[in-house]
Amino acid sequence: MSVLSREWLLDPSPKSRGQARAGQIYLGFVRLFRNRLALTGLIVVLALVVIAIFAPLFATHDPVAQVLQDRLQPPLSPGHILGTDEFGRDIWSRLVYGSRVTLYIVLLVTLTAPVIGLIIGTVSGYFGGWTDTVLMRITDIFLAFPRLILALAFVAALGPGVENAVLAIALTAWPPYARVARAETLSIRSTDYIAAVRLQGASSGRILFSHVAPMCLPSVIVRVTLDMAGIILTAAGLGFLGLGAQPPLPEWGLMISSGRKFLFEQWWVATMPGLAIFIVSLGFNLLGDGLRDVLDPRSSGK
């Protein structure tokens, strides 16, 4: 980056809103890249995305093709870097294609649960009164049940499958976002600039979606990133119990379930997908911690 560009980004008196936002984004990236753990998490997440997109290039075998004469081959055996499962399917290739299923679930839940929670939380916190009471009591009902148990109940009612698992996880994941958005809204609605916008004649809908919701987004984004590990574990748990992805789909939780009976003798069948879940979950947690430091306005002076 040239000196002039850096000076323009770090100008203490920006000439436009775009310049101010560009400077904030630049400083955020600087703080993020200075955090080694957050940078490690970002690398893990980016690796997951790249592997999922270019799965045919990384996979060495057909993930569902059964080669019974090669069943239960150990890691580093010829042609199978991570070994094979009980049907002779290459574990590395199944992990690679399984990253697509994991990313698919994470993206769909991310596009639904936080949006629902953000809307409910901002509406509840802004209007207050009976609206707040009703919405927060509904939220409390969902929070009273463990997420996995509630997801199991929804999947049992909807039927097994990836789409139903995504819907069940989304229906159980929104309450924490609603709580975060409500707390932020309660501190924002009484500020001077909201009062000024209200005096200018702006409607409640415009105030909510143009002024309140954007102020709640940083906290919600951090919560989403930190919740990614929980989403992955819940999806893997549903797959492990046979209520998520169905065979022969290469889903990591389903792979652990099918390999648990070989755990003591052919340990790699269940261990490899377990390590994949661990590494990806850890990556999202590290990235979430880094984003929390970047997006927290109280840390802007650090």
C-alpha atoms as a PDB file:
ATOM      1  CA  MET A   1       0.000   0.000   0.000  1.00  0.00           C
ATOM      2  CA  SER A   2       1.373   3.411  -0.944  1.00  0.00           C
ATOM      3  CA  VAL A   3       2.084   6.105   1.636  1.00  0.00           C
ATOM      4  CA  LEU A   4      -0.591   8.373   0.161  1.00  0.00           C
ATOM      5  CA  SER A   5      -3.244   5.676   0.386  1.00  0.00           C
ATOM      6  CA  ARG A   6      -2.357   4.932   4.004  1.00  0.00           C
ATOM      7  CA  GLU A   7      -2.439   8.628   4.884  1.00  0.00           C
ATOM      8  CA  TRP A   8      -5.843   8.919   3.207  1.00  0.00           C
ATOM      9  CA  LEU A   9      -7.181   5.966   5.197  1.00  0.00           C
ATOM     10  CA  LEU A  10      -5.758   7.238   8.502  1.00  0.00           C
ATOM     11  CA  ASP A  11      -6.823  10.860   8.017  1.00  0.00           C
ATOM     12  CA  PRO A  12      -8.109  12.042  11.430  1.00  0.00           C
ATOM     13  CA  SER A  13     -10.545  14.376   9.655  1.00  0.00           C
ATOM     14  CA  PRO A  14     -12.140  12.309   6.859  1.00  0.00           C
ATOM     15  CA  LYS A  15     -13.762  14.302   4.080  1.00  0.00           C
ATOM     16  CA  SER A  16     -16.623  11.861   3.487  1.00  0.00           C
ATOM     17  CA  ARG A  17     -18.513   9.008   5.091  1.00  0.00           C
ATOM     18  CA  GLY A  18     -16.923   6.562   2.648  1.00  0.00           C
ATOM     19  CA  GLN A  19     -13.422   7.666   3.658  1.00  0.00           C
ATOM     20  CA  ALA A  20     -14.313   7.261   7.340  1.00  0.00           C
ATOM     21  CA  ARG A  21     -15.671   3.756   6.785  1.00  0.00           C
ATOM     22  CA  ALA A  22     -12.660   2.785   4.676  1.00  0.00           C
ATOM     23  CA  GLY A  23     -10.379   3.951   7.472  1.00  0.00           C
ATOM     24  CA  GLN A  24     -12.308   1.944  10.052  1.00  0.00           C
ATOM     25  CA  ILE A  25     -12.134  -1.176   7.880  1.00  0.00           C
ATOM     26  CA  TYR A  26      -8.403  -0.702   7.359  1.00  0.00           C
ATOM     27  CA  LEU A  27      -7.746  -0.314  11.089  1.00  0.00           C
ATOM     28  CA  GLY A  28      -9.893  -3.363  11.754  1.00  0.00           C
ATOM     29  CA  PHE A  29      -7.840  -5.479   9.369  1.00  0.00           C
ATOM     30  CA  VAL A  30      -4.629  -4.179  10.948  1.00  0.00           C
ATOM     31  CA  ARG A  31      -5.791  -5.219  14.416  1.00  0.00           C
ATOM     32  CA  LEU A  32      -7.019  -8.563  13.094  1.00  0.00           C
ATOM     33  CA  PHE A  33      -3.730  -9.403  11.371  1.00  0.00           C
ATOM     34  CA  ARG A  34      -1.759  -8.417  14.463  1.00  0.00           C
ATOM     35  CA  ASN A  35      -3.650 -11.068  16.434  1.00  0.00           C
ATOM     36  CA  ARG A  36      -1.868 -14.320  15.610  1.00  0.00           C
ATOM     37  CA  LEU A  37      -4.591 -16.563  16.995  1.00  0.00           C
ATOM     38  CA  ALA A  38      -7.280 -14.724  15.039  1.00  0.00           C
ATOM     39  CA  LEU A  39      -5.137 -14.933  11.918  1.00  0.00           C
ATOM     40  CA  THR A  40      -4.792 -18.686  12.477  1.00  0.00           C
ATOM     41  CA  GLY A  41      -8.562 -18.983  12.748  1.00  0.00           C
ATOM     42  CA  LEU A  42      -9.012 -16.959   9.565  1.00  0.00           C
ATOM     43  CA  ILE A  43      -6.601 -19.255   7.713  1.00  0.00           C
ATOM     44  CA  VAL A  44      -8.533 -22.340   8.899  1.00  0.00           C
ATOM     45  CA  VAL A  45     -11.872 -20.862   7.816  1.00  0.00           C
ATOM     46  CA  LEU A  46     -10.500 -19.772   4.436  1.00  0.00           C
ATOM     47  CA  ALA A  47      -9.008 -23.238   3.957  1.00  0.00           C
ATOM     48  CA  LEU A  48     -12.430 -24.763   4.635  1.00  0.00           C
ATOM     49  CA  VAL A  49     -14.015 -22.482   2.034  1.00  0.00           C
ATOM     50  CA  VAL A  50     -11.343 -23.175  -0.592  1.00  0.00           C
ATOM     51  CA  ILE A  51     -11.477 -26.946  -0.049  1.00  0.00           C
ATOM     52  CA  ALA A  52     -15.274 -26.924  -0.229  1.00  0.00           C
ATOM     53  CA  ILE A  53     -15.336 -24.904  -3.460  1.00  0.00           C
ATOM     54  CA  PHE A  54     -12.596 -26.886  -5.189  1.00  0.00           C
ATOM     55  CA  ALA A  55     -13.408 -30.288  -3.678  1.00  0.00           C
ATOM     56  CA  PRO A  56     -13.012 -32.186  -6.996  1.00  0.00           C
ATOM     57  CA  LEU A  57      -9.439 -30.874  -7.253  1.00  0.00           C
ATOM     58  CA  PHE A  58      -8.446 -31.851  -3.720  1.00  0.00           C
ATOM     59  CA  ALA A  59     -10.192 -35.228  -3.562  1.00  0.00           C
ATOM     60  CA  THR A  60      -8.239 -38.221  -4.808  1.00  0.00           C
ATOM     61  CA  HIS A  61     -11.173 -40.667  -5.101  1.00  0.00           C
ATOM     62  CA  ASP A  62     -14.909 -40.756  -5.556  1.00  0.00           C
ATOM     63  CA  PRO A  63     -16.244 -40.132  -2.009  1.00  0.00           C
ATOM     64  CA  VAL A  64     -19.108 -42.636  -2.329  1.00  0.00           C
ATOM     65  CA  ALA A  65     -17.456 -45.323  -4.480  1.00  0.00           C
ATOM     66  CA  GLN A  66     -17.104 -48.604  -2.576  1.00  0.00           C
ATOM     67  CA  VAL A  67     -13.970 -50.695  -3.099  1.00  0.00           C
ATOM     68  CA  LEU A  68     -14.435 -53.608  -0.719  1.00  0.00           C
ATOM     69  CA  GLN A  69     -11.004 -55.101  -1.352  1.00  0.00           C
ATOM     70  CA  ASP A  70      -9.478 -51.902   0.074  1.00  0.00           C
ATOM     71  CA  ARG A  71     -11.669 -51.716   3.177  1.00  0.00           C
ATOM     72  CA  LEU A  72     -10.147 -50.502   6.492  1.00  0.00           C
ATOM     73  CA  GLN A  73      -6.766 -49.588   5.036  1.00  0.00           C
ATOM     74  CA  PRO A  74      -4.642 -47.653   7.584  1.00  0.00           C
ATOM     75  CA  PRO A  75      -3.398 -44.075   7.037  1.00  0.00           C
ATOM     76  CA  LEU A  76      -0.463 -43.594   4.665  1.00  0.00           C
ATOM     77  CA  SER A  77      -1.342 -46.786   2.816  1.00  0.00           C
ATOM     78  CA  PRO A  78      -0.759 -46.700  -0.963  1.00  0.00           C
ATOM     79  CA  GLY A  79      -3.269 -44.345  -2.558  1.00  0.00           C
ATOM     80  CA  HIS A  80      -5.050 -43.508   0.716  1.00  0.00           C
ATOM     81  CA  ILE A  81      -3.338 -40.835   2.807  1.00  0.00           C
ATOM     82  CA  LEU A  82      -5.880 -41.065   5.648  1.00  0.00           C
ATOM     83  CA  GLY A  83      -6.915 -44.678   5.107  1.00  0.00           C
ATOM     84  CA  THR A  84     -10.285 -46.123   4.122  1.00  0.00           C
ATOM     85  CA  ASP A  85     -13.530 -46.937   5.909  1.00  0.00           C
ATOM     86  CA  GLU A  86     -15.461 -50.190   6.223  1.00  0.00           C
ATOM     87  CA  PHE A  87     -16.622 -49.966   2.592  1.00  0.00           C
ATOM     88  CA  GLY A  88     -13.220 -49.141   1.144  1.00  0.00           C
ATOM     89  CA  ARG A  89     -14.085 -45.477   0.593  1.00  0.00           C
ATOM     90  CA  ASP A  90     -11.195 -43.033   0.797  1.00  0.00           C
ATOM     91  CA  ILE A  91     -11.475 -41.055   4.053  1.00  0.00           C
ATOM     92  CA  TRP A  92      -9.566 -38.011   2.767  1.00  0.00           C
ATOM     93  CA  SER A  93     -11.908 -37.663  -0.193  1.00  0.00           C
ATOM     94  CA  ARG A  94     -14.945 -38.026   2.050  1.00  0.00           C
ATOM     95  CA  LEU A  95     -13.587 -35.348   4.393  1.00  0.00           C
ATOM     96  CA  VAL A  96     -13.017 -33.021   1.445  1.00  0.00           C
ATOM     97  CA  TYR A  97     -16.550 -33.436   0.117  1.00  0.00           C
ATOM     98  CA  GLY A  98     -17.892 -33.401   3.669  1.00  0.00           C
ATOM     99  CA  SER A  99     -16.561 -29.849   4.006  1.00  0.00           C
ATOM    100  CA  ARG A 100     -19.197 -28.851   1.445  1.00  0.00           C
ATOM    101  CA  VAL A 101     -21.970 -30.242   3.629  1.00  0.00           C
ATOM    102  CA  THR A 102     -20.550 -28.473   6.693  1.00  0.00           C
ATOM    103  CA  LEU A 103     -20.186 -25.157   4.868  1.00  0.00           C
ATOM    104  CA  TYR A 104     -23.677 -25.534   3.367  1.00  0.00           C
ATOM    105  CA  ILE A 105     -25.214 -25.995   6.819  1.00  0.00           C
ATOM    106  CA  VAL A 106     -23.203 -23.130   8.332  1.00  0.00           C
ATOM    107  CA  LEU A 107     -24.125 -20.704   5.538  1.00  0.00           C
ATOM    108  CA  LEU A 108     -27.844 -21.496   5.598  1.00  0.00           C
ATOM    109  CA  VAL A 109     -28.048 -21.209   9.375  1.00  0.00           C
ATOM    110  CA  THR A 110     -26.052 -17.962   9.238  1.00  0.00           C
ATOM    111  CA  LEU A 111     -28.464 -16.494   6.682  1.00  0.00           C
ATOM    112  CA  THR A 112     -31.551 -17.346   8.741  1.00  0.00           C
ATOM    113  CA  ALA A 113     -31.032 -17.519  12.524  1.00  0.00           C
ATOM    114  CA  PRO A 114     -29.167 -14.190  13.029  1.00  0.00           C
ATOM    115  CA  VAL A 115     -31.667 -12.359  10.814  1.00  0.00           C
ATOM    116  CA  ILE A 116     -34.601 -13.704  12.820  1.00  0.00           C
ATOM    117  CA  GLY A 117     -32.860 -12.900  16.089  1.00  0.00           C
ATOM    118  CA  LEU A 118     -31.867  -9.398  14.940  1.00  0.00           C
ATOM    119  CA  ILE A 119     -35.421  -8.527  13.906  1.00  0.00           C
ATOM    120  CA  ILE A 120     -36.998  -9.886  17.082  1.00  0.00           C
ATOM    121  CA  GLY A 121     -34.367  -8.294  19.333  1.00  0.00           C
ATOM    122  CA  THR A 122     -34.507  -4.828  17.776  1.00  0.00           C
ATOM    123  CA  VAL A 123     -38.316  -4.755  17.665  1.00  0.00           C
ATOM    124  CA  SER A 124     -38.502  -5.931  21.272  1.00  0.00           C
ATOM    125  CA  GLY A 125     -35.947  -3.456  22.565  1.00  0.00           C
ATOM    126  CA  TYR A 126     -37.221  -0.467  20.572  1.00  0.00           C
ATOM    127  CA  PHE A 127     -40.947  -0.706  21.287  1.00  0.00           C
ATOM    128  CA  GLY A 128     -40.758  -2.166  24.794  1.00  0.00           C
ATOM    129  CA  GLY A 129     -43.977  -2.670  26.752  1.00  0.00           C
ATOM    130  CA  TRP A 130     -46.136  -5.665  25.925  1.00  0.00           C
ATOM    131  CA  THR A 131     -44.245  -6.233  22.668  1.00  0.00           C
ATOM    132  CA  ASP A 132     -41.022  -6.686  24.611  1.00  0.00           C
ATOM    133  CA  THR A 133     -42.736  -8.909  27.184  1.00  0.00           C
ATOM    134  CA  VAL A 134     -44.293 -11.255  24.617  1.00  0.00           C
ATOM    135  CA  LEU A 135     -41.207 -11.577  22.401  1.00  0.00           C
ATOM    136  CA  MET A 136     -38.793 -12.074  25.285  1.00  0.00           C
ATOM    137  CA  ARG A 137     -40.986 -14.702  26.936  1.00  0.00           C
ATOM    138  CA  ILE A 138     -41.036 -16.625  23.655  1.00  0.00           C
ATOM    139  CA  THR A 139     -37.260 -16.271  23.554  1.00  0.00           C
ATOM    140  CA  ASP A 140     -37.008 -17.547  27.130  1.00  0.00           C
ATOM    141  CA  ILE A 141     -39.041 -20.639  26.208  1.00  0.00           C
ATOM    142  CA  PHE A 142     -36.562 -21.503  23.444  1.00  0.00           C
ATOM    143  CA  LEU A 143     -33.596 -20.805  25.714  1.00  0.00           C
ATOM    144  CA  ALA A 144     -35.010 -23.104  28.396  1.00  0.00           C
ATOM    145  CA  PHE A 145     -34.257 -26.159  26.267  1.00  0.00           C
ATOM    146  CA  PRO A 146     -30.744 -27.357  25.354  1.00  0.00           C
ATOM    147  CA  ARG A 147     -30.121 -26.589  21.691  1.00  0.00           C
ATOM    148  CA  LEU A 148     -29.363 -30.162  20.647  1.00  0.00           C
ATOM    149  CA  ILE A 149     -32.429 -31.557  22.440  1.00  0.00           C
ATOM    150  CA  LEU A 150     -34.694 -28.961  20.829  1.00  0.00           C
ATOM    151  CA  ALA A 151     -33.113 -29.584  17.420  1.00  0.00           C
ATOM    152  CA  LEU A 152     -33.704 -33.321  17.884  1.00  0.00           C
ATOM    153  CA  ALA A 153     -37.359 -32.632  18.591  1.00  0.00           C
ATOM    154  CA  PHE A 154     -37.751 -30.517  15.445  1.00  0.00           C
ATOM    155  CA  VAL A 155     -35.923 -33.030  13.243  1.00  0.00           C
ATOM    156  CA  ALA A 156     -37.983 -35.871  14.678  1.00  0.00           C
ATOM    157  CA  ALA A 157     -41.111 -33.954  13.674  1.00  0.00           C
ATOM    158  CA  LEU A 158     -39.805 -32.844  10.261  1.00  0.00           C
ATOM    159  CA  GLY A 159     -37.959 -36.024   9.303  1.00  0.00           C
ATOM    160  CA  PRO A 160     -34.236 -36.709   8.735  1.00  0.00           C
ATOM    161  CA  GLY A 161     -32.268 -34.877   6.063  1.00  0.00           C
ATOM    162  CA  VAL A 162     -29.815 -32.017   5.613  1.00  0.00           C
ATOM    163  CA  GLU A 163     -32.484 -29.403   4.832  1.00  0.00           C
ATOM    164  CA  ASN A 164     -34.578 -30.354   7.844  1.00  0.00           C
ATOM    165  CA  ALA A 165     -31.458 -30.344  10.013  1.00  0.00           C
ATOM    166  CA  VAL A 166     -30.656 -26.810   8.827  1.00  0.00           C
ATOM    167  CA  LEU A 167     -34.216 -25.683   9.585  1.00  0.00           C
ATOM    168  CA  ALA A 168     -34.107 -27.294  13.032  1.00  0.00           C
ATOM    169  CA  ILE A 169     -30.745 -25.687  13.897  1.00  0.00           C
ATOM    170  CA  ALA A 170     -31.937 -22.278  12.670  1.00  0.00           C
ATOM    171  CA  LEU A 171     -35.114 -22.525  14.756  1.00  0.00           C
ATOM    172  CA  THR A 172     -33.060 -23.232  17.859  1.00  0.00           C
ATOM    173  CA  ALA A 173     -30.154 -20.825  17.214  1.00  0.00           C
ATOM    174  CA  TRP A 174     -31.923 -17.436  16.985  1.00  0.00           C
ATOM    175  CA  PRO A 175     -32.659 -16.679  20.714  1.00  0.00           C
ATOM    176  CA  PRO A 176     -29.080 -15.628  21.689  1.00  0.00           C
ATOM    177  CA  TYR A 177     -28.995 -13.179  18.771  1.00  0.00           C
ATOM    178  CA  ALA A 178     -32.327 -11.727  19.870  1.00  0.00           C
ATOM    179  CA  ARG A 179     -30.949 -11.205  23.372  1.00  0.00           C
ATOM    180  CA  VAL A 180     -27.814  -9.483  22.055  1.00  0.00           C
ATOM    181  CA  ALA A 181     -29.793  -7.261  19.651  1.00  0.00           C
ATOM    182  CA  ARG A 182     -32.291  -6.300  22.382  1.00  0.00           C
ATOM    183  CA  ALA A 183     -29.513  -5.313  24.783  1.00  0.00           C
ATOM    184  CA  GLU A 184     -27.869  -3.161  22.116  1.00  0.00           C
ATOM    185  CA  THR A 185     -31.210  -1.587  21.138  1.00  0.00           C
ATOM    186  CA  LEU A 186     -32.025  -0.648  24.724  1.00  0.00           C
ATOM    187  CA  SER A 187     -28.797   1.363  24.897  1.00  0.00           C
ATOM    188  CA  ILE A 188     -29.288   2.917  21.448  1.00  0.00           C
ATOM    189  CA  ARG A 189     -32.954   3.953  21.456  1.00  0.00           C
ATOM    190  CA  SER A 190     -32.439   6.727  24.027  1.00  0.00           C
ATOM    191  CA  THR A 191     -29.433   8.328  22.302  1.00  0.00           C
ATOM    192  CA  ASP A 192     -29.563  11.869  20.966  1.00  0.00           C
ATOM    193  CA  TYR A 193     -29.181  10.980  17.309  1.00  0.00           C
ATOM    194  CA  ILE A 194     -32.144   8.575  17.445  1.00  0.00           C
ATOM    195  CA  ALA A 195     -34.197  11.342  19.052  1.00  0.00           C
ATOM    196  CA  ALA A 196     -33.084  13.721  16.274  1.00  0.00           C
ATOM    197  CA  VAL A 197     -34.084  11.246  13.566  1.00  0.00           C
ATOM    198  CA  ARG A 198     -37.455  10.743  15.267  1.00  0.00           C
ATOM    199  CA  LEU A 199     -38.016  14.525  15.399  1.00  0.00           C
ATOM    200  CA  GLN A 200     -37.318  14.720  11.660  1.00  0.00           C
ATOM    201  CA  GLY A 201     -40.391  12.563  11.102  1.00  0.00           C
ATOM    202  CA  ALA A 202     -38.758   9.200  10.376  1.00  0.00           C
ATOM    203  CA  SER A 203     -41.043   6.211  10.828  1.00  0.00           C
ATOM    204  CA  SER A 204     -40.372   3.484  13.373  1.00  0.00           C
ATOM    205  CA  GLY A 205     -39.561   1.028  10.583  1.00  0.00           C
ATOM    206  CA  ARG A 206     -36.990   3.367   9.062  1.00  0.00           C
ATOM    207  CA  ILE A 207     -35.399   4.039  12.444  1.00  0.00           C
ATOM    208  CA  LEU A 208     -35.207   0.323  13.192  1.00  0.00           C
ATOM    209  CA  PHE A 209     -33.747  -0.853   9.887  1.00  0.00           C
ATOM    210  CA  SER A 210     -31.665   2.213   8.948  1.00  0.00           C
ATOM    211  CA  HIS A 211     -30.271   3.288  12.313  1.00  0.00           C
ATOM    212  CA  VAL A 212     -30.820   0.756  15.108  1.00  0.00           C
ATOM    213  CA  ALA A 213     -30.149  -2.541  13.309  1.00  0.00           C
ATOM    214  CA  PRO A 214     -26.813  -1.389  11.767  1.00  0.00           C
ATOM    215  CA  MET A 215     -25.584  -0.438  15.237  1.00  0.00           C
ATOM    216  CA  CYS A 216     -26.449  -3.932  16.498  1.00  0.00           C
ATOM    217  CA  LEU A 217     -24.708  -5.737  13.628  1.00  0.00           C
ATOM    218  CA  PRO A 218     -21.138  -5.782  15.050  1.00  0.00           C
ATOM    219  CA  SER A 219     -22.234  -7.582  18.223  1.00  0.00           C
ATOM    220  CA  VAL A 220     -24.415  -9.981  16.235  1.00  0.00           C
ATOM    221  CA  ILE A 221     -21.578 -10.740  13.780  1.00  0.00           C
ATOM    222  CA  VAL A 222     -19.226 -11.569  16.631  1.00  0.00           C
ATOM    223  CA  ARG A 223     -21.867 -13.799  18.211  1.00  0.00           C
ATOM    224  CA  VAL A 224     -22.448 -15.541  14.871  1.00  0.00           C
ATOM    225  CA  THR A 225     -18.756 -16.279  14.432  1.00  0.00           C
ATOM    226  CA  LEU A 226     -18.445 -17.630  17.958  1.00  0.00           C
ATOM    227  CA  ASP A 227     -21.580 -19.752  17.441  1.00  0.00           C
ATOM    228  CA  MET A 228     -20.246 -21.399  14.282  1.00  0.00           C
ATOM    229  CA  ALA A 229     -18.542 -24.108  16.323  1.00  0.00           C
ATOM    230  CA  GLY A 230     -21.811 -24.859  18.106  1.00  0.00           C
ATOM    231  CA  ILE A 231     -23.650 -25.024  14.787  1.00  0.00           C
ATOM    232  CA  ILE A 232     -21.083 -27.460  13.386  1.00  0.00           C
ATOM    233  CA  LEU A 233     -21.251 -29.612  16.510  1.00  0.00           C
ATOM    234  CA  THR A 234     -25.056 -29.636  16.476  1.00  0.00           C
ATOM    235  CA  ALA A 235     -25.108 -30.628  12.800  1.00  0.00           C
ATOM    236  CA  ALA A 236     -22.530 -33.338  13.491  1.00  0.00           C
ATOM    237  CA  GLY A 237     -24.579 -34.533  16.457  1.00  0.00           C
ATOM    238  CA  LEU A 238     -27.700 -34.827  14.322  1.00  0.00           C
ATOM    239  CA  GLY A 239     -25.699 -36.703  11.684  1.00  0.00           C
ATOM    240  CA  PHE A 240     -24.215 -38.971  14.341  1.00  0.00           C
ATOM    241  CA  LEU A 241     -27.717 -39.882  15.537  1.00  0.00           C
ATOM    242  CA  GLY A 242     -28.912 -40.520  11.987  1.00  0.00           C
ATOM    243  CA  LEU A 243     -31.252 -37.500  11.903  1.00  0.00           C
ATOM    244  CA  GLY A 244     -29.142 -35.216   9.728  1.00  0.00           C
ATOM    245  CA  ALA A 245     -27.366 -36.147   6.515  1.00  0.00           C
ATOM    246  CA  GLN A 246     -28.188 -39.631   5.290  1.00  0.00           C
ATOM    247  CA  PRO A 247     -25.843 -42.291   3.831  1.00  0.00           C
ATOM    248  CA  PRO A 248     -23.908 -42.310   1.592  1.00  0.00           C
ATOM    249  CA  LEU A 249     -23.506 -38.531   1.925  1.00  0.00           C
ATOM    250  CA  PRO A 250     -19.998 -37.777   3.307  1.00  0.00           C
ATOM    251  CA  GLU A 251     -21.018 -35.783   6.369  1.00  0.00           C
ATOM    252  CA  TRP A 252     -18.511 -35.651   9.233  1.00  0.00           C
ATOM    253  CA  GLY A 253     -20.904 -36.572  12.043  1.00  0.00           C
ATOM    254  CA  LEU A 254     -22.277 -39.453  10.006  1.00  0.00           C
ATOM    255  CA  MET A 255     -18.717 -40.641   9.333  1.00  0.00           C
ATOM    256  CA  ILE A 256     -18.004 -40.693  13.077  1.00  0.00           C
ATOM    257  CA  SER A 257     -21.193 -42.640  13.682  1.00  0.00           C
ATOM    258  CA  SER A 258     -20.318 -45.292  11.099  1.00  0.00           C
ATOM    259  CA  GLY A 259     -16.747 -45.572  12.399  1.00  0.00           C
ATOM    260  CA  ARG A 260     -17.444 -45.775  16.121  1.00  0.00           C
ATOM    261  CA  LYS A 261     -17.651 -49.580  16.036  1.00  0.00           C
ATOM    262  CA  PHE A 262     -14.074 -49.691  14.716  1.00  0.00           C
ATOM    263  CA  LEU A 263     -12.725 -47.160  17.210  1.00  0.00           C
ATOM    264  CA  PHE A 264     -10.354 -49.472  19.108  1.00  0.00           C
ATOM    265  CA  GLU A 265      -8.884 -51.432  16.204  1.00  0.00           C
ATOM    266  CA  GLN A 266      -9.302 -49.180  13.133  1.00  0.00           C
ATOM    267  CA  TRP A 267      -9.216 -45.885  15.029  1.00  0.00           C
ATOM    268  CA  TRP A 268      -8.718 -43.684  11.957  1.00  0.00           C
ATOM    269  CA  VAL A 269     -12.240 -44.289  10.609  1.00  0.00           C
ATOM    270  CA  ALA A 270     -13.828 -42.185  13.372  1.00  0.00           C
ATOM    271  CA  THR A 271     -10.805 -40.152  14.457  1.00  0.00           C
ATOM    272  CA  MET A 272     -10.172 -38.359  11.151  1.00  0.00           C
ATOM    273  CA  PRO A 273     -13.635 -36.756  10.835  1.00  0.00           C
ATOM    274  CA  GLY A 274     -13.484 -35.975  14.553  1.00  0.00           C
ATOM    275  CA  LEU A 275     -10.218 -34.099  14.012  1.00  0.00           C
ATOM    276  CA  ALA A 276     -11.783 -32.229  11.091  1.00  0.00           C
ATOM    277  CA  ILE A 277     -14.654 -31.071  13.312  1.00  0.00           C
ATOM    278  CA  PHE A 278     -12.198 -30.079  16.054  1.00  0.00           C
ATOM    279  CA  ILE A 279      -9.935 -28.055  13.738  1.00  0.00           C
ATOM    280  CA  VAL A 280     -12.773 -26.215  11.993  1.00  0.00           C
ATOM    281  CA  SER A 281     -14.562 -25.472  15.275  1.00  0.00           C
ATOM    282  CA  LEU A 282     -11.334 -24.177  16.799  1.00  0.00           C
ATOM    283  CA  GLY A 283     -10.741 -22.002  13.727  1.00  0.00           C
ATOM    284  CA  PHE A 284     -14.153 -20.359  14.025  1.00  0.00           C
ATOM    285  CA  ASN A 285     -13.635 -19.778  17.769  1.00  0.00           C
ATOM    286  CA  LEU A 286     -10.241 -18.135  17.230  1.00  0.00           C
ATOM    287  CA  LEU A 287     -11.637 -15.975  14.432  1.00  0.00           C
ATOM    288  CA  GLY A 288     -14.601 -14.995  16.589  1.00  0.00           C
ATOM    289  CA  ASP A 289     -12.313 -13.875  19.413  1.00  0.00           C
ATOM    290  CA  GLY A 290     -10.329 -11.770  16.957  1.00  0.00           C
ATOM    291  CA  LEU A 291     -13.452 -10.196  15.446  1.00  0.00           C
ATOM    292  CA  ARG A 292     -14.710  -9.365  18.911  1.00  0.00           C
ATOM    293  CA  ASP A 293     -11.558  -7.317  19.510  1.00  0.00           C
ATOM    294  CA  VAL A 294     -11.821  -5.663  16.096  1.00  0.00           C
ATOM    295  CA  LEU A 295     -15.525  -4.806  16.167  1.00  0.00           C
ATOM    296  CA  ASP A 296     -15.672  -3.760  19.827  1.00  0.00           C
ATOM    297  CA  PRO A 297     -15.677   0.071  19.705  1.00  0.00           C
ATOM    298  CA  ARG A 298     -14.127   0.176  23.187  1.00  0.00           C
ATOM    299  CA  SER A 299     -10.974  -1.468  21.776  1.00  0.00           C
ATOM    300  CA  SER A 300     -10.561   1.034  18.930  1.00  0.00           C
ATOM    301  CA  GLY A 301      -7.857   2.887  20.762  1.00  0.00           C
ATOM    302  CA  LYS A 302      -5.716  -0.178  21.430  1.00  0.00           C
END
